[in-house]
């Protein structure tokens, strides 16, 4: 079971790293699109769509890592409102 949890941890780290790569590619696409437009050339047709999809992936890919590392926001007051025996 420990091997499974270790594998899940490594997979979640890999997904978080993929999200970082996606964010880097978004930055490159936006900067390239702005530069091309300022040079008077035709804008990159794919840049807006790629940025939209990239933002989607950048938001959802690191979520398993956030849950695994308890970095996400969770509602604690509901747990504290329960009796002590029900909290476990």
N, C-alpha and C. Protein backbone atom coordinates (compact mmCIF):
# COMPACT_ATOMS: atom_id res chain seq x y z
N UNK A 1 0.82 -1.19 0.00
CA UNK A 1 0.00 0.00 0.00
C UNK A 1 0.87 1.26 0.00
N UNK A 2 2.02 1.17 0.68
CA UNK A 2 2.92 2.32 0.70
C UNK A 2 3.46 2.62 -0.70
N UNK A 3 3.69 1.56 -1.48
CA UNK A 3 4.18 1.77 -2.85
C UNK A 3 3.13 2.48 -3.68
N UNK A 4 1.86 2.14 -3.46
CA UNK A 4 0.78 2.80 -4.19
C UNK A 4 0.72 4.28 -3.84
N UNK A 5 0.81 4.60 -2.55
CA UNK A 5 0.78 6.00 -2.14
C UNK A 5 2.00 6.75 -2.66
N UNK A 6 3.14 6.09 -2.69
CA UNK A 6 4.34 6.73 -3.23
C UNK A 6 4.18 7.00 -4.73
N UNK A 7 3.58 6.05 -5.43
CA UNK A 7 3.35 6.23 -6.87
C UNK A 7 2.37 7.36 -7.12
N UNK A 8 1.33 7.44 -6.31
CA UNK A 8 0.35 8.52 -6.45
C UNK A 8 1.01 9.87 -6.16
N UNK A 9 1.88 9.90 -5.16
CA UNK A 9 2.60 11.14 -4.85
C UNK A 9 3.49 11.58 -6.00
N UNK A 10 4.19 10.62 -6.61
CA UNK A 10 5.05 10.95 -7.75
C UNK A 10 4.24 11.41 -8.95
N UNK A 11 3.09 10.76 -9.17
CA UNK A 11 2.23 11.16 -10.27
C UNK A 11 1.68 12.56 -10.05
N UNK A 12 1.30 12.87 -8.82
CA UNK A 12 0.77 14.21 -8.55
C UNK A 12 1.86 15.27 -8.72
N UNK A 13 3.09 14.94 -8.35
CA UNK A 13 4.21 15.88 -8.59
C UNK A 13 4.46 16.07 -10.08
N UNK A 14 4.34 14.99 -10.85
CA UNK A 14 4.54 15.10 -12.30
C UNK A 14 3.45 15.97 -12.93
N UNK A 15 2.22 15.84 -12.46
CA UNK A 15 1.14 16.67 -12.98
C UNK A 15 1.35 18.14 -12.63
N UNK A 16 1.84 18.39 -11.42
CA UNK A 16 2.13 19.77 -11.03
C UNK A 16 3.27 20.35 -11.88
N UNK A 17 4.26 19.52 -12.19
CA UNK A 17 5.35 19.98 -13.06
C UNK A 17 4.82 20.26 -14.47
N UNK A 18 3.89 19.43 -14.93
CA UNK A 18 3.29 19.66 -16.25
C UNK A 18 2.53 20.99 -16.27
N UNK A 19 1.89 21.32 -15.16
CA UNK A 19 1.18 22.60 -15.08
C UNK A 19 2.16 23.77 -15.18
N UNK A 20 3.33 23.61 -14.59
CA UNK A 20 4.35 24.66 -14.70
C UNK A 20 4.80 24.84 -16.15
N UNK A 21 4.96 23.73 -16.84
CA UNK A 21 5.35 23.79 -18.25
C UNK A 21 4.26 24.48 -19.07
N UNK A 22 3.01 24.14 -18.78
CA UNK A 22 1.89 24.76 -19.50
C UNK A 22 1.88 26.27 -19.26
N UNK A 23 2.10 26.69 -18.02
CA UNK A 23 2.15 28.13 -17.74
C UNK A 23 3.29 28.81 -18.50
N UNK A 24 4.43 28.15 -18.58
CA UNK A 24 5.54 28.71 -19.35
C UNK A 24 5.20 28.85 -20.83
N UNK A 25 4.52 27.84 -21.37
CA UNK A 25 4.11 27.91 -22.78
C UNK A 25 3.07 29.00 -23.02
N UNK A 26 2.20 29.21 -22.04
CA UNK A 26 1.22 30.30 -22.15
C UNK A 26 1.94 31.64 -22.22
N UNK A 27 2.92 31.82 -21.36
CA UNK A 27 3.68 33.07 -21.35
C UNK A 27 4.37 33.30 -22.69
N UNK A 28 4.98 32.25 -23.22
CA UNK A 28 5.66 32.36 -24.52
C UNK A 28 4.66 32.71 -25.62
N UNK A 29 3.49 32.06 -25.62
CA UNK A 29 2.49 32.31 -26.66
C UNK A 29 1.96 33.74 -26.59
N UNK A 30 1.70 34.23 -25.39
CA UNK A 30 1.17 35.59 -25.25
C UNK A 30 2.22 36.63 -25.66
N UNK A 31 3.45 36.44 -25.21
CA UNK A 31 4.51 37.38 -25.57
C UNK A 31 4.75 37.37 -27.08
N UNK A 32 4.76 36.19 -27.68
CA UNK A 32 4.95 36.10 -29.13
C UNK A 32 3.80 36.78 -29.87
N UNK A 33 2.58 36.59 -29.40
CA UNK A 33 1.43 37.21 -30.06
C UNK A 33 1.50 38.73 -29.95
N UNK A 34 1.87 39.24 -28.79
CA UNK A 34 1.99 40.69 -28.61
C UNK A 34 3.10 41.25 -29.50
N UNK A 35 4.22 40.57 -29.56
CA UNK A 35 5.33 41.05 -30.40
C UNK A 35 4.95 41.06 -31.87
N UNK A 36 4.28 40.02 -32.32
CA UNK A 36 3.88 39.94 -33.72
C UNK A 36 2.89 41.05 -34.06
N UNK A 37 1.96 41.30 -33.16
CA UNK A 37 0.99 42.38 -33.40
C UNK A 37 1.67 43.74 -33.44
N UNK A 38 2.61 43.98 -32.54
CA UNK A 38 3.30 45.27 -32.52
C UNK A 38 4.21 45.48 -33.72
N UNK A 39 4.64 44.41 -34.34
CA UNK A 39 5.45 44.53 -35.55
C UNK A 39 4.60 44.75 -36.79
N UNK A 40 3.29 44.75 -36.63
CA UNK A 40 2.39 44.99 -37.75
C UNK A 40 2.08 43.76 -38.57
N UNK A 41 2.48 42.61 -38.07
CA UNK A 41 2.20 41.36 -38.78
C UNK A 41 0.85 40.80 -38.34
N UNK A 42 0.42 39.77 -39.04
CA UNK A 42 -0.85 39.14 -38.67
C UNK A 42 -0.70 38.46 -37.31
N UNK A 43 -1.71 38.57 -36.45
CA UNK A 43 -1.62 37.91 -35.14
C UNK A 43 -1.64 36.39 -35.29
N UNK A 44 -1.11 35.74 -34.30
CA UNK A 44 -1.08 34.28 -34.31
C UNK A 44 -2.50 33.76 -34.07
N UNK A 45 -3.02 33.03 -35.01
CA UNK A 45 -4.42 32.58 -34.94
C UNK A 45 -4.65 31.60 -33.80
N UNK A 46 -3.65 30.87 -33.44
CA UNK A 46 -3.80 29.82 -32.43
C UNK A 46 -3.54 30.31 -31.01
N UNK A 47 -3.01 31.50 -30.84
CA UNK A 47 -2.53 31.93 -29.52
C UNK A 47 -3.66 32.07 -28.51
N UNK A 48 -4.78 32.63 -28.91
CA UNK A 48 -5.88 32.84 -27.96
C UNK A 48 -6.47 31.51 -27.52
N UNK A 49 -6.74 30.64 -28.47
CA UNK A 49 -7.31 29.33 -28.13
C UNK A 49 -6.35 28.51 -27.28
N UNK A 50 -5.08 28.53 -27.64
CA UNK A 50 -4.09 27.78 -26.88
C UNK A 50 -3.97 28.32 -25.46
N UNK A 51 -4.06 29.63 -25.31
CA UNK A 51 -4.00 30.23 -23.97
C UNK A 51 -5.21 29.83 -23.14
N UNK A 52 -6.39 29.83 -23.75
CA UNK A 52 -7.59 29.45 -23.01
C UNK A 52 -7.52 28.00 -22.54
N UNK A 53 -7.13 27.10 -23.44
CA UNK A 53 -7.00 25.70 -23.04
C UNK A 53 -5.87 25.52 -22.04
N UNK A 54 -4.79 26.25 -22.23
CA UNK A 54 -3.68 26.15 -21.31
C UNK A 54 -4.04 26.58 -19.90
N UNK A 55 -4.84 27.64 -19.78
CA UNK A 55 -5.28 28.08 -18.46
C UNK A 55 -6.14 27.02 -17.78
N UNK A 56 -6.94 26.34 -18.56
CA UNK A 56 -7.76 25.25 -18.01
C UNK A 56 -6.86 24.15 -17.44
N UNK A 57 -5.88 23.72 -18.23
CA UNK A 57 -4.98 22.67 -17.77
C UNK A 57 -4.09 23.14 -16.62
N UNK A 58 -3.67 24.40 -16.66
CA UNK A 58 -2.83 24.92 -15.59
C UNK A 58 -3.58 24.99 -14.27
N UNK A 59 -4.89 25.12 -14.34
CA UNK A 59 -5.68 25.17 -13.11
C UNK A 59 -5.95 23.78 -12.55
N UNK A 60 -6.17 22.80 -13.42
CA UNK A 60 -6.61 21.50 -12.95
C UNK A 60 -5.49 20.47 -12.80
N UNK A 61 -4.39 20.60 -13.52
CA UNK A 61 -3.31 19.62 -13.39
C UNK A 61 -2.68 19.57 -12.00
N UNK A 62 -2.45 20.70 -11.33
CA UNK A 62 -1.81 20.60 -10.02
C UNK A 62 -2.75 20.25 -8.87
N UNK A 63 -4.03 20.08 -9.14
CA UNK A 63 -4.97 19.81 -8.04
C UNK A 63 -4.68 18.53 -7.26
N UNK A 64 -4.30 17.41 -7.90
CA UNK A 64 -3.96 16.23 -7.08
C UNK A 64 -2.80 16.49 -6.13
N UNK A 65 -1.81 17.26 -6.57
CA UNK A 65 -0.70 17.58 -5.68
C UNK A 65 -1.16 18.45 -4.52
N UNK A 66 -2.05 19.40 -4.79
CA UNK A 66 -2.56 20.25 -3.72
C UNK A 66 -3.32 19.44 -2.68
N UNK A 67 -4.12 18.50 -3.13
CA UNK A 67 -4.87 17.66 -2.19
C UNK A 67 -3.90 16.76 -1.42
N UNK A 68 -2.92 16.20 -2.11
CA UNK A 68 -1.96 15.30 -1.47
C UNK A 68 -1.14 16.03 -0.41
N UNK A 69 -0.78 17.27 -0.68
CA UNK A 69 0.04 18.03 0.26
C UNK A 69 -0.79 18.89 1.21
N UNK A 70 -2.11 18.73 1.15
CA UNK A 70 -3.04 19.50 1.98
C UNK A 70 -2.81 21.00 1.79
N UNK A 71 -2.53 21.40 0.56
CA UNK A 71 -2.34 22.80 0.24
C UNK A 71 -3.60 23.46 -0.24
N UNK A 72 -4.65 22.68 -0.40
CA UNK A 72 -5.91 23.23 -0.88
C UNK A 72 -6.68 23.87 0.27
N UNK A 73 -7.66 24.63 -0.05
CA UNK A 73 -8.51 25.26 0.95
C UNK A 73 -9.65 24.29 1.25
N UNK A 74 -9.83 23.98 2.51
CA UNK A 74 -10.94 23.11 2.86
C UNK A 74 -11.68 23.71 4.04
N UNK A 75 -12.91 23.29 4.19
CA UNK A 75 -13.79 23.88 5.20
C UNK A 75 -13.56 23.15 6.52
N UNK A 76 -12.93 23.82 7.45
CA UNK A 76 -12.59 23.23 8.74
C UNK A 76 -13.70 23.41 9.77
N UNK A 77 -14.50 24.45 9.62
CA UNK A 77 -15.48 24.73 10.66
C UNK A 77 -16.56 23.65 10.73
N UNK A 78 -16.85 22.98 9.63
CA UNK A 78 -17.83 21.89 9.68
C UNK A 78 -17.30 20.73 10.50
N UNK A 79 -16.03 20.43 10.34
CA UNK A 79 -15.43 19.34 11.10
C UNK A 79 -15.38 19.69 12.59
N UNK A 80 -15.09 20.93 12.90
CA UNK A 80 -15.03 21.33 14.31
C UNK A 80 -16.41 21.37 14.95
N UNK A 81 -17.45 21.52 14.15
CA UNK A 81 -18.81 21.56 14.70
C UNK A 81 -19.31 20.17 15.08
N UNK A 82 -18.68 19.13 14.55
CA UNK A 82 -19.11 17.76 14.85
C UNK A 82 -18.64 17.35 16.24
N UNK A 83 -19.33 16.40 16.84
CA UNK A 83 -18.84 15.85 18.11
C UNK A 83 -17.48 15.17 17.91
N UNK A 84 -16.73 15.01 18.98
CA UNK A 84 -15.37 14.47 18.90
C UNK A 84 -15.37 13.07 18.29
N UNK A 85 -16.33 12.24 18.63
CA UNK A 85 -16.36 10.87 18.11
C UNK A 85 -16.66 10.85 16.61
N UNK A 86 -17.38 11.82 16.13
CA UNK A 86 -17.75 11.85 14.71
C UNK A 86 -16.65 12.44 13.83
N UNK A 87 -15.66 13.10 14.41
CA UNK A 87 -14.60 13.74 13.64
C UNK A 87 -13.63 12.74 13.02
N UNK A 88 -13.47 11.61 13.60
CA UNK A 88 -12.48 10.63 13.12
C UNK A 88 -12.88 9.92 11.89
